[in-house]
All heavy atoms as atom14 arrays in JSON, in Angstrom:
{
  "sequence": "SFTLPRAVGLAKACEMVLTGDMIDAAEAERIGLVNRVVPHDDLMKAAR",
  "atom14_mask": [
    [1, 1, 1, 1, 1, 1, 0, 0, 0, 0, 0, 0, 0, 0],
    [1, 1, 1, 1, 1, 1, 1, 1, 1, 1, 1, 0, 0, 0],
    [1, 1, 1, 1, 1, 1, 1, 0, 0, 0, 0, 0, 0, 0],
    [1, 1, 1, 1, 1, 1, 1, 1, 0, 0, 0, 0, 0, 0],
    [1, 1, 1, 1, 1, 1, 1, 0, 0, 0, 0, 0, 0, 0],
    [1, 1, 1, 1, 1, 1, 1, 1, 1, 1, 1, 0, 0, 0],
    [1, 1, 1, 1, 1, 0, 0, 0, 0, 0, 0, 0, 0, 0],
    [1, 1, 1, 1, 1, 1, 1, 0, 0, 0, 0, 0, 0, 0],
    [1, 1, 1, 1, 0, 0, 0, 0, 0, 0, 0, 0, 0, 0],
    [1, 1, 1, 1, 1, 1, 1, 1, 0, 0, 0, 0, 0, 0],
    [1, 1, 1, 1, 1, 0, 0, 0, 0, 0, 0, 0, 0, 0],
    [1, 1, 1, 1, 1, 1, 1, 1, 1, 0, 0, 0, 0, 0],
    [1, 1, 1, 1, 1, 0, 0, 0, 0, 0, 0, 0, 0, 0],
    [1, 1, 1, 1, 1, 1, 0, 0, 0, 0, 0, 0, 0, 0],
    [1, 1, 1, 1, 1, 1, 1, 1, 1, 0, 0, 0, 0, 0],
    [1, 1, 1, 1, 1, 1, 1, 1, 0, 0, 0, 0, 0, 0],
    [1, 1, 1, 1, 1, 1, 1, 0, 0, 0, 0, 0, 0, 0],
    [1, 1, 1, 1, 1, 1, 1, 1, 0, 0, 0, 0, 0, 0],
    [1, 1, 1, 1, 1, 1, 1, 0, 0, 0, 0, 0, 0, 0],
    [1, 1, 1, 1, 0, 0, 0, 0, 0, 0, 0, 0, 0, 0],
    [1, 1, 1, 1, 1, 1, 1, 1, 0, 0, 0, 0, 0, 0],
    [1, 1, 1, 1, 1, 1, 1, 1, 0, 0, 0, 0, 0, 0],
    [1, 1, 1, 1, 1, 1, 1, 1, 0, 0, 0, 0, 0, 0],
    [1, 1, 1, 1, 1, 1, 1, 1, 0, 0, 0, 0, 0, 0],
    [1, 1, 1, 1, 1, 0, 0, 0, 0, 0, 0, 0, 0, 0],
    [1, 1, 1, 1, 1, 0, 0, 0, 0, 0, 0, 0, 0, 0],
    [1, 1, 1, 1, 1, 1, 1, 1, 1, 0, 0, 0, 0, 0],
    [1, 1, 1, 1, 1, 0, 0, 0, 0, 0, 0, 0, 0, 0],
    [1, 1, 1, 1, 1, 1, 1, 1, 1, 0, 0, 0, 0, 0],
    [1, 1, 1, 1, 1, 1, 1, 1, 1, 1, 1, 0, 0, 0],
    [1, 1, 1, 1, 1, 1, 1, 1, 0, 0, 0, 0, 0, 0],
    [1, 1, 1, 1, 0, 0, 0, 0, 0, 0, 0, 0, 0, 0],
    [1, 1, 1, 1, 1, 1, 1, 1, 0, 0, 0, 0, 0, 0],
    [1, 1, 1, 1, 1, 1, 1, 0, 0, 0, 0, 0, 0, 0],
    [1, 1, 1, 1, 1, 1, 1, 1, 0, 0, 0, 0, 0, 0],
    [1, 1, 1, 1, 1, 1, 1, 1, 1, 1, 1, 0, 0, 0],
    [1, 1, 1, 1, 1, 1, 1, 0, 0, 0, 0, 0, 0, 0],
    [1, 1, 1, 1, 1, 1, 1, 0, 0, 0, 0, 0, 0, 0],
    [1, 1, 1, 1, 1, 1, 1, 0, 0, 0, 0, 0, 0, 0],
    [1, 1, 1, 1, 1, 1, 1, 1, 1, 1, 0, 0, 0, 0],
    [1, 1, 1, 1, 1, 1, 1, 1, 0, 0, 0, 0, 0, 0],
    [1, 1, 1, 1, 1, 1, 1, 1, 0, 0, 0, 0, 0, 0],
    [1, 1, 1, 1, 1, 1, 1, 1, 0, 0, 0, 0, 0, 0],
    [1, 1, 1, 1, 1, 1, 1, 1, 0, 0, 0, 0, 0, 0],
    [1, 1, 1, 1, 1, 1, 1, 1, 1, 0, 0, 0, 0, 0],
    [1, 1, 1, 1, 1, 0, 0, 0, 0, 0, 0, 0, 0, 0],
    [1, 1, 1, 1, 1, 0, 0, 0, 0, 0, 0, 0, 0, 0],
    [1, 1, 1, 1, 1, 1, 1, 1, 1, 1, 1, 0, 0, 0]
  ],
  "atom14_positions": [
    [[-90.7, 143.37, -140.37], [-90.55, 142.42, -141.48], [-89.12, 142.39, -142.01], [-88.71, 141.44, -142.68], [-91.52, 142.76, -142.62], [-91.21, 144.02, -143.2], [0.0, 0.0, 0.0], [0.0, 0.0, 0.0], [0.0, 0.0, 0.0], [0.0, 0.0, 0.0], [0.0, 0.0, 0.0], [0.0, 0.0, 0.0], [0.0, 0.0, 0.0], [0.0, 0.0, 0.0]],
    [[-88.35, 143.42, -141.7], [-86.94, 143.5, -142.1], [-86.03, 142.87, -141.04], [-85.14, 142.07, -141.35], [-86.56, 144.97, -142.32], [-85.14, 145.2, -142.76], [-84.81, 145.26, -144.09], [-84.13, 145.39, -141.82], [-83.5, 145.48, -144.5], [-82.81, 145.61, -142.21], [-82.5, 145.66, -143.56], [0.0, 0.0, 0.0], [0.0, 0.0, 0.0], [0.0, 0.0, 0.0]],
    [[-86.26, 143.24, -139.77], [-85.34, 142.83, -138.71], [-85.58, 141.41, -138.21], [-84.63, 140.72, -137.84], [-85.44, 143.81, -137.52], [-86.82, 143.95, -137.14], [-84.89, 145.18, -137.88], [0.0, 0.0, 0.0], [0.0, 0.0, 0.0], [0.0, 0.0, 0.0], [0.0, 0.0, 0.0], [0.0, 0.0, 0.0], [0.0, 0.0, 0.0], [0.0, 0.0, 0.0]],
    [[-86.84, 140.97, -138.16], [-87.11, 139.64, -137.6], [-86.45, 138.52, -138.4], [-85.8, 137.65, -137.79], [-88.62, 139.42, -137.48], [-89.02, 138.09, -136.81], [-88.52, 138.01, -135.37], [-90.55, 137.91, -136.86], [0.0, 0.0, 0.0], [0.0, 0.0, 0.0], [0.0, 0.0, 0.0], [0.0, 0.0, 0.0], [0.0, 0.0, 0.0], [0.0, 0.0, 0.0]],
    [[-86.59, 138.46, -139.74], [-85.91, 137.38, -140.47], [-84.4, 137.4, -140.31], [-83.75, 136.34, -140.32], [-86.31, 137.63, -141.93], [-87.52, 138.48, -141.87], [-87.36, 139.32, -140.63], [0.0, 0.0, 0.0], [0.0, 0.0, 0.0], [0.0, 0.0, 0.0], [0.0, 0.0, 0.0], [0.0, 0.0, 0.0], [0.0, 0.0, 0.0], [0.0, 0.0, 0.0]],
    [[-83.83, 138.56, -140.13], [-82.39, 138.66, -139.94], [-81.96, 138.18, -138.56], [-80.82, 137.81, -138.36], [-81.93, 140.11, -140.19], [-81.92, 140.48, -141.66], [-81.81, 141.99, -141.87], [-81.59, 142.31, -143.27], [-82.53, 142.3, -144.21], [-83.77, 141.97, -143.9], [-82.23, 142.6, -145.46], [0.0, 0.0, 0.0], [0.0, 0.0, 0.0], [0.0, 0.0, 0.0]],
    [[-82.9, 138.19, -137.61], [-82.59, 137.71, -136.27], [-82.81, 136.22, -136.12], [-82.0, 135.52, -135.5], [-83.45, 138.47, -135.24], [0.0, 0.0, 0.0], [0.0, 0.0, 0.0], [0.0, 0.0, 0.0], [0.0, 0.0, 0.0], [0.0, 0.0, 0.0], [0.0, 0.0, 0.0], [0.0, 0.0, 0.0], [0.0, 0.0, 0.0], [0.0, 0.0, 0.0]],
    [[-83.89, 135.71, -136.69], [-84.28, 134.3, -136.42], [-84.31, 133.44, -137.67], [-84.56, 132.23, -137.57], [-85.64, 134.24, -135.7], [-85.62, 135.06, -134.42], [-86.78, 134.7, -136.61], [0.0, 0.0, 0.0], [0.0, 0.0, 0.0], [0.0, 0.0, 0.0], [0.0, 0.0, 0.0], [0.0, 0.0, 0.0], [0.0, 0.0, 0.0], [0.0, 0.0, 0.0]],
    [[-84.09, 134.01, -138.85], [-84.2, 133.26, -140.09], [-85.6, 133.4, -140.68], [-86.57, 133.66, -139.98], [0.0, 0.0, 0.0], [0.0, 0.0, 0.0], [0.0, 0.0, 0.0], [0.0, 0.0, 0.0], [0.0, 0.0, 0.0], [0.0, 0.0, 0.0], [0.0, 0.0, 0.0], [0.0, 0.0, 0.0], [0.0, 0.0, 0.0], [0.0, 0.0, 0.0]],
    [[-85.69, 133.2, -142.0], [-86.95, 133.44, -142.7], [-88.05, 132.48, -142.27], [-89.2, 132.91, -142.04], [-86.73, 133.34, -144.21], [-87.96, 133.59, -145.08], [-88.56, 134.98, -144.8], [-87.61, 133.44, -146.55], [0.0, 0.0, 0.0], [0.0, 0.0, 0.0], [0.0, 0.0, 0.0], [0.0, 0.0, 0.0], [0.0, 0.0, 0.0], [0.0, 0.0, 0.0]],
    [[-87.76, 131.21, -142.13], [-88.81, 130.24, -141.81], [-89.44, 130.52, -140.45], [-90.67, 130.5, -140.31], [-88.25, 128.82, -141.86], [0.0, 0.0, 0.0], [0.0, 0.0, 0.0], [0.0, 0.0, 0.0], [0.0, 0.0, 0.0], [0.0, 0.0, 0.0], [0.0, 0.0, 0.0], [0.0, 0.0, 0.0], [0.0, 0.0, 0.0], [0.0, 0.0, 0.0]],
    [[-88.6, 130.79, -139.45], [-89.14, 131.06, -138.12], [-89.87, 132.4, -138.11], [-90.9, 132.54, -137.43], [-88.02, 131.06, -137.08], [-88.53, 130.94, -135.65], [-89.21, 129.61, -135.42], [-89.83, 129.51, -134.05], [-90.5, 128.21, -133.83], [0.0, 0.0, 0.0], [0.0, 0.0, 0.0], [0.0, 0.0, 0.0], [0.0, 0.0, 0.0], [0.0, 0.0, 0.0]],
    [[-89.36, 133.37, -138.86], [-90.04, 134.66, -138.94], [-91.42, 134.49, -139.56], [-92.4, 135.09, -139.09], [-89.21, 135.65, -139.75], [0.0, 0.0, 0.0], [0.0, 0.0, 0.0], [0.0, 0.0, 0.0], [0.0, 0.0, 0.0], [0.0, 0.0, 0.0], [0.0, 0.0, 0.0], [0.0, 0.0, 0.0], [0.0, 0.0, 0.0], [0.0, 0.0, 0.0]],
    [[-91.52, 133.66, -140.6], [-92.82, 133.39, -141.22], [-93.79, 132.79, -140.2], [-94.95, 133.19, -140.12], [-92.67, 132.44, -142.4], [-91.99, 133.21, -143.89], [0.0, 0.0, 0.0], [0.0, 0.0, 0.0], [0.0, 0.0, 0.0], [0.0, 0.0, 0.0], [0.0, 0.0, 0.0], [0.0, 0.0, 0.0], [0.0, 0.0, 0.0], [0.0, 0.0, 0.0]],
    [[-93.3, 131.85, -139.42], [-94.16, 131.22, -138.42], [-94.65, 132.24, -137.4], [-95.85, 132.28, -137.07], [-93.39, 130.09, -137.72], [-94.22, 129.35, -136.67], [-93.43, 128.26, -135.97], [-92.34, 127.9, -136.44], [-93.93, 127.75, -134.95], [0.0, 0.0, 0.0], [0.0, 0.0, 0.0], [0.0, 0.0, 0.0], [0.0, 0.0, 0.0], [0.0, 0.0, 0.0]],
    [[-93.74, 133.08, -136.9], [-94.13, 134.06, -135.89], [-95.08, 135.1, -136.44], [-96.08, 135.46, -135.8], [-92.88, 134.74, -135.32], [-92.0, 133.86, -134.47], [-90.59, 134.77, -133.78], [-91.45, 135.92, -132.68], [0.0, 0.0, 0.0], [0.0, 0.0, 0.0], [0.0, 0.0, 0.0], [0.0, 0.0, 0.0], [0.0, 0.0, 0.0], [0.0, 0.0, 0.0]],
    [[-94.81, 135.58, -137.66], [-95.63, 136.65, -138.24], [-96.99, 136.12, -138.69], [-98.02, 136.78, -138.48], [-94.89, 137.3, -139.43], [-95.81, 138.2, -140.22], [-93.68, 138.1, -138.93], [0.0, 0.0, 0.0], [0.0, 0.0, 0.0], [0.0, 0.0, 0.0], [0.0, 0.0, 0.0], [0.0, 0.0, 0.0], [0.0, 0.0, 0.0], [0.0, 0.0, 0.0]],
    [[-97.03, 134.95, -139.29], [-98.28, 134.45, -139.87], [-99.21, 133.81, -138.85], [-100.41, 133.7, -139.11], [-97.97, 133.47, -141.0], [-97.12, 134.05, -142.15], [-96.89, 133.01, -143.23], [-97.77, 135.3, -142.73], [0.0, 0.0, 0.0], [0.0, 0.0, 0.0], [0.0, 0.0, 0.0], [0.0, 0.0, 0.0], [0.0, 0.0, 0.0], [0.0, 0.0, 0.0]],
    [[-98.68, 133.39, -137.71], [-99.54, 132.86, -136.65], [-99.88, 133.92, -135.61], [-100.96, 133.89, -135.02], [-98.9, 131.67, -135.92], [-97.73, 132.12, -135.21], [-98.53, 130.55, -136.89], [0.0, 0.0, 0.0], [0.0, 0.0, 0.0], [0.0, 0.0, 0.0], [0.0, 0.0, 0.0], [0.0, 0.0, 0.0], [0.0, 0.0, 0.0], [0.0, 0.0, 0.0]],
    [[-98.95, 134.84, -135.35], [-99.12, 135.81, -134.27], [-99.03, 135.18, -132.9], [-99.38, 135.8, -131.9], [0.0, 0.0, 0.0], [0.0, 0.0, 0.0], [0.0, 0.0, 0.0], [0.0, 0.0, 0.0], [0.0, 0.0, 0.0], [0.0, 0.0, 0.0], [0.0, 0.0, 0.0], [0.0, 0.0, 0.0], [0.0, 0.0, 0.0], [0.0, 0.0, 0.0]],
    [[-98.54, 133.93, -132.83], [-98.48, 133.22, -131.56], [-97.48, 133.84, -130.6], [-96.5, 134.47, -131.02], [-98.12, 131.74, -131.78], [-99.27, 130.93, -132.34], [-100.41, 131.44, -132.36], [-99.03, 129.78, -132.76], [0.0, 0.0, 0.0], [0.0, 0.0, 0.0], [0.0, 0.0, 0.0], [0.0, 0.0, 0.0], [0.0, 0.0, 0.0], [0.0, 0.0, 0.0]],
    [[-97.69, 133.62, -129.33], [-96.79, 134.07, -128.27], [-95.74, 133.0, -128.01], [-96.05, 131.8, -127.99], [-97.57, 134.34, -126.99], [-96.78, 135.02, -125.89], [-96.61, 136.8, -126.12], [-98.28, 137.38, -125.76], [0.0, 0.0, 0.0], [0.0, 0.0, 0.0], [0.0, 0.0, 0.0], [0.0, 0.0, 0.0], [0.0, 0.0, 0.0], [0.0, 0.0, 0.0]],
    [[-94.49, 133.4, -127.85], [-93.44, 132.47, -127.46], [-92.84, 132.95, -126.15], [-92.87, 134.14, -125.83], [-92.34, 132.32, -128.53], [-91.59, 133.64, -128.75], [-92.93, 131.8, -129.83], [-90.38, 133.51, -129.65], [0.0, 0.0, 0.0], [0.0, 0.0, 0.0], [0.0, 0.0, 0.0], [0.0, 0.0, 0.0], [0.0, 0.0, 0.0], [0.0, 0.0, 0.0]],
    [[-92.29, 132.01, -125.37], [-91.71, 132.39, -124.08], [-90.24, 132.74, -124.23], [-89.66, 132.65, -125.32], [-91.92, 131.29, -123.04], [-91.24, 129.97, -123.39], [-90.32, 129.96, -124.26], [-91.62, 128.94, -122.81], [0.0, 0.0, 0.0], [0.0, 0.0, 0.0], [0.0, 0.0, 0.0], [0.0, 0.0, 0.0], [0.0, 0.0, 0.0], [0.0, 0.0, 0.0]],
    [[-89.63, 133.14, -123.12], [-88.25, 133.62, -123.16], [-87.28, 132.52, -123.57], [-86.32, 132.77, -124.31], [-87.86, 134.18, -121.8], [0.0, 0.0, 0.0], [0.0, 0.0, 0.0], [0.0, 0.0, 0.0], [0.0, 0.0, 0.0], [0.0, 0.0, 0.0], [0.0, 0.0, 0.0], [0.0, 0.0, 0.0], [0.0, 0.0, 0.0], [0.0, 0.0, 0.0]],
    [[-87.52, 131.3, -123.1], [-86.62, 130.19, -123.44], [-86.62, 129.93, -124.93], [-85.56, 129.71, -125.55], [-87.02, 128.94, -122.67], [0.0, 0.0, 0.0], [0.0, 0.0, 0.0], [0.0, 0.0, 0.0], [0.0, 0.0, 0.0], [0.0, 0.0, 0.0], [0.0, 0.0, 0.0], [0.0, 0.0, 0.0], [0.0, 0.0, 0.0], [0.0, 0.0, 0.0]],
    [[-87.8, 129.96, -125.56], [-87.88, 129.76, -127.0], [-87.24, 130.92, -127.74], [-86.56, 130.73, -128.76], [-89.35, 129.6, -127.42], [-89.59, 129.5, -128.92], [-89.06, 128.23, -129.57], [-88.51, 127.37, -128.85], [-89.2, 128.09, -130.79], [0.0, 0.0, 0.0], [0.0, 0.0, 0.0], [0.0, 0.0, 0.0], [0.0, 0.0, 0.0], [0.0, 0.0, 0.0]],
    [[-87.43, 132.13, -127.22], [-86.81, 133.3, -127.85], [-85.29, 133.19, -127.86], [-84.63, 133.53, -128.84], [-87.24, 134.57, -127.13], [0.0, 0.0, 0.0], [0.0, 0.0, 0.0], [0.0, 0.0, 0.0], [0.0, 0.0, 0.0], [0.0, 0.0, 0.0], [0.0, 0.0, 0.0], [0.0, 0.0, 0.0], [0.0, 0.0, 0.0], [0.0, 0.0, 0.0]],
    [[-84.73, 132.67, -126.77], [-83.28, 132.47, -126.72], [-82.86, 131.36, -127.68], [-81.85, 131.48, -128.38], [-82.85, 132.14, -125.3], [-81.34, 131.96, -125.16], [-80.91, 131.67, -123.74], [-81.7, 131.06, -122.98], [-79.77, 132.03, -123.38], [0.0, 0.0, 0.0], [0.0, 0.0, 0.0], [0.0, 0.0, 0.0], [0.0, 0.0, 0.0], [0.0, 0.0, 0.0]],
    [[-83.64, 130.3, -127.74], [-83.29, 129.15, -128.59], [-83.22, 129.55, -130.06], [-82.32, 129.08, -130.79], [-84.31, 128.03, -128.41], [-83.95, 126.72, -129.11], [-85.07, 125.7, -129.05], [-86.18, 126.07, -129.91], [-86.21, 125.87, -131.23], [-85.17, 125.33, -131.85], [-87.26, 126.22, -131.94], [0.0, 0.0, 0.0], [0.0, 0.0, 0.0], [0.0, 0.0, 0.0]],
    [[-84.12, 130.4, -130.51], [-84.16, 130.77, -131.93], [-83.3, 131.99, -132.25], [-83.21, 132.4, -133.41], [-85.6, 131.0, -132.4], [-86.24, 132.21, -131.71], [-86.45, 129.75, -132.22], [-87.63, 132.56, -132.22], [0.0, 0.0, 0.0], [0.0, 0.0, 0.0], [0.0, 0.0, 0.0], [0.0, 0.0, 0.0], [0.0, 0.0, 0.0], [0.0, 0.0, 0.0]],
    [[-82.67, 132.58, -131.24], [-81.8, 133.72, -131.48], [-82.48, 135.07, -131.46], [-81.88, 136.08, -131.85], [0.0, 0.0, 0.0], [0.0, 0.0, 0.0], [0.0, 0.0, 0.0], [0.0, 0.0, 0.0], [0.0, 0.0, 0.0], [0.0, 0.0, 0.0], [0.0, 0.0, 0.0], [0.0, 0.0, 0.0], [0.0, 0.0, 0.0], [0.0, 0.0, 0.0]],
    [[-83.72, 135.12, -131.0], [-84.43, 136.39, -130.9], [-83.81, 137.26, -129.82], [-83.77, 138.49, -129.95], [-85.91, 136.14, -130.61], [-86.81, 137.37, -130.49], [-86.85, 138.13, -131.82], [-88.23, 136.97, -130.09], [0.0, 0.0, 0.0], [0.0, 0.0, 0.0], [0.0, 0.0, 0.0], [0.0, 0.0, 0.0], [0.0, 0.0, 0.0], [0.0, 0.0, 0.0]],
    [[-83.34, 136.64, -128.74], [-82.65, 137.36, -127.67], [-81.27, 136.74, -127.46], [-81.06, 135.56, -127.75], [-83.44, 137.36, -126.35], [-84.8, 138.01, -126.55], [-83.59, 135.96, -125.78], [0.0, 0.0, 0.0], [0.0, 0.0, 0.0], [0.0, 0.0, 0.0], [0.0, 0.0, 0.0], [0.0, 0.0, 0.0], [0.0, 0.0, 0.0], [0.0, 0.0, 0.0]],
    [[-80.35, 137.55, -126.96], [-78.99, 137.05, -126.72], [-78.94, 136.07, -125.57], [-78.25, 135.06, -125.64], [-78.05, 138.22, -126.42], [-77.85, 139.12, -127.61], [-78.77, 139.8, -128.04], [-76.65, 139.15, -128.14], [0.0, 0.0, 0.0], [0.0, 0.0, 0.0], [0.0, 0.0, 0.0], [0.0, 0.0, 0.0], [0.0, 0.0, 0.0], [0.0, 0.0, 0.0]],
    [[-79.68, 136.4, -124.5], [-79.72, 135.5, -123.36], [-80.89, 135.83, -122.46], [-81.46, 136.93, -122.53], [-78.42, 135.54, -122.56], [-78.07, 136.83, -121.87], [-76.77, 136.67, -121.11], [-76.38, 137.83, -120.34], [-75.59, 138.78, -120.77], [-75.11, 138.72, -122.01], [-75.25, 139.79, -119.99], [0.0, 0.0, 0.0], [0.0, 0.0, 0.0], [0.0, 0.0, 0.0]],
    [[-81.23, 134.88, -121.6], [-82.31, 135.02, -120.62], [-81.7, 134.97, -119.23], [-80.84, 134.13, -118.96], [-83.37, 133.91, -120.79], [-84.46, 134.03, -119.73], [-83.97, 133.95, -122.19], [0.0, 0.0, 0.0], [0.0, 0.0, 0.0], [0.0, 0.0, 0.0], [0.0, 0.0, 0.0], [0.0, 0.0, 0.0], [0.0, 0.0, 0.0], [0.0, 0.0, 0.0]],
    [[-82.16, 135.87, -118.37], [-81.66, 135.91, -117.0], [-82.86, 135.91, -116.04], [-83.97, 136.25, -116.43], [-80.79, 137.16, -116.75], [-79.57, 137.16, -117.66], [-81.6, 138.44, -116.94], [0.0, 0.0, 0.0], [0.0, 0.0, 0.0], [0.0, 0.0, 0.0], [0.0, 0.0, 0.0], [0.0, 0.0, 0.0], [0.0, 0.0, 0.0], [0.0, 0.0, 0.0]],
    [[-82.64, 135.51, -114.78], [-83.73, 135.61, -113.81], [-84.27, 137.04, -113.75], [-83.5, 138.0, -113.86], [-83.07, 135.2, -112.49], [-81.93, 134.32, -112.9], [-81.43, 134.91, -114.18], [0.0, 0.0, 0.0], [0.0, 0.0, 0.0], [0.0, 0.0, 0.0], [0.0, 0.0, 0.0], [0.0, 0.0, 0.0], [0.0, 0.0, 0.0], [0.0, 0.0, 0.0]],
    [[-85.58, 137.17, -113.58], [-86.22, 138.48, -113.66], [-85.55, 139.52, -112.76], [-85.31, 140.65, -113.19], [-87.7, 138.35, -113.28], [-88.46, 139.63, -113.4], [-88.85, 140.16, -114.62], [-88.88, 140.52, -112.45], [-89.48, 141.31, -114.41], [-89.51, 141.54, -113.11], [0.0, 0.0, 0.0], [0.0, 0.0, 0.0], [0.0, 0.0, 0.0], [0.0, 0.0, 0.0]],
    [[-85.23, 139.15, -111.54], [-84.65, 140.1, -110.59], [-83.24, 140.53, -110.96], [-82.72, 141.52, -110.42], [-84.66, 139.52, -109.17], [-86.07, 139.39, -108.6], [-86.99, 140.02, -109.15], [-86.24, 138.63, -107.63], [0.0, 0.0, 0.0], [0.0, 0.0, 0.0], [0.0, 0.0, 0.0], [0.0, 0.0, 0.0], [0.0, 0.0, 0.0], [0.0, 0.0, 0.0]],
    [[-82.61, 139.79, -111.88], [-81.24, 140.11, -112.28], [-81.17, 140.88, -113.6], [-80.08, 141.19, -114.09], [-80.41, 138.82, -112.43], [-80.22, 138.09, -111.12], [-80.32, 138.75, -110.06], [-79.97, 136.87, -111.15], [0.0, 0.0, 0.0], [0.0, 0.0, 0.0], [0.0, 0.0, 0.0], [0.0, 0.0, 0.0], [0.0, 0.0, 0.0], [0.0, 0.0, 0.0]],
    [[-82.34, 141.19, -114.18], [-82.35, 141.75, -115.53], [-81.58, 143.06, -115.64], [-80.68, 143.2, -116.47], [-83.8, 141.95, -116.0], [-83.95, 142.61, -117.38], [-83.37, 141.72, -118.47], [-85.42, 142.93, -117.66], [0.0, 0.0, 0.0], [0.0, 0.0, 0.0], [0.0, 0.0, 0.0], [0.0, 0.0, 0.0], [0.0, 0.0, 0.0], [0.0, 0.0, 0.0]],
    [[-81.92, 144.04, -114.83], [-81.28, 145.35, -114.97], [-79.82, 145.29, -114.56], [-78.99, 146.0, -115.12], [-82.04, 146.4, -114.16], [-83.4, 146.74, -114.76], [-83.35, 147.19, -116.52], [-82.37, 148.7, -116.47], [0.0, 0.0, 0.0], [0.0, 0.0, 0.0], [0.0, 0.0, 0.0], [0.0, 0.0, 0.0], [0.0, 0.0, 0.0], [0.0, 0.0, 0.0]],
    [[-79.48, 144.45, -113.6], [-78.08, 144.27, -113.22], [-77.28, 143.76, -114.42], [-76.2, 144.27, -114.73], [-77.97, 143.29, -112.06], [-76.55, 142.98, -111.61], [-76.57, 142.08, -110.38], [-75.16, 141.75, -109.9], [-74.45, 140.83, -110.82], [0.0, 0.0, 0.0], [0.0, 0.0, 0.0], [0.0, 0.0, 0.0], [0.0, 0.0, 0.0], [0.0, 0.0, 0.0]],
    [[-77.83, 142.75, -115.12], [-77.14, 142.19, -116.28], [-77.02, 143.22, -117.4], [-75.97, 143.33, -118.05], [-77.89, 140.95, -116.77], [0.0, 0.0, 0.0], [0.0, 0.0, 0.0], [0.0, 0.0, 0.0], [0.0, 0.0, 0.0], [0.0, 0.0, 0.0], [0.0, 0.0, 0.0], [0.0, 0.0, 0.0], [0.0, 0.0, 0.0], [0.0, 0.0, 0.0]],
    [[-78.09, 143.99, -117.63], [-78.06, 145.0, -118.68], [-77.05, 146.1, -118.36], [-76.28, 146.54, -119.23], [-79.45, 145.59, -118.89], [0.0, 0.0, 0.0], [0.0, 0.0, 0.0], [0.0, 0.0, 0.0], [0.0, 0.0, 0.0], [0.0, 0.0, 0.0], [0.0, 0.0, 0.0], [0.0, 0.0, 0.0], [0.0, 0.0, 0.0], [0.0, 0.0, 0.0]],
    [[-77.04, 146.55, -117.11], [-76.09, 147.59, -116.71], [-74.66, 147.1, -116.84], [-73.78, 147.84, -117.3], [-76.36, 148.03, -115.27], [-77.56, 148.97, -115.09], [-77.65, 149.42, -113.65], [-78.64, 150.47, -113.45], [-79.91, 150.24, -113.14], [-80.35, 148.99, -113.01], [-80.75, 151.25, -112.97], [0.0, 0.0, 0.0], [0.0, 0.0, 0.0], [0.0, 0.0, 0.0]]
  ]
}
């Protein structure tokens, strides 16, 4: 409840918390939940 609004903003955090809905990686990137999305096979390479 502390970190999510700071990542995506209060309104989007309310939507995610109060619905409990699942969002995909593209939406997570769009709202700023993740820095970026990479192809699955490239994930650890990108992180390293």
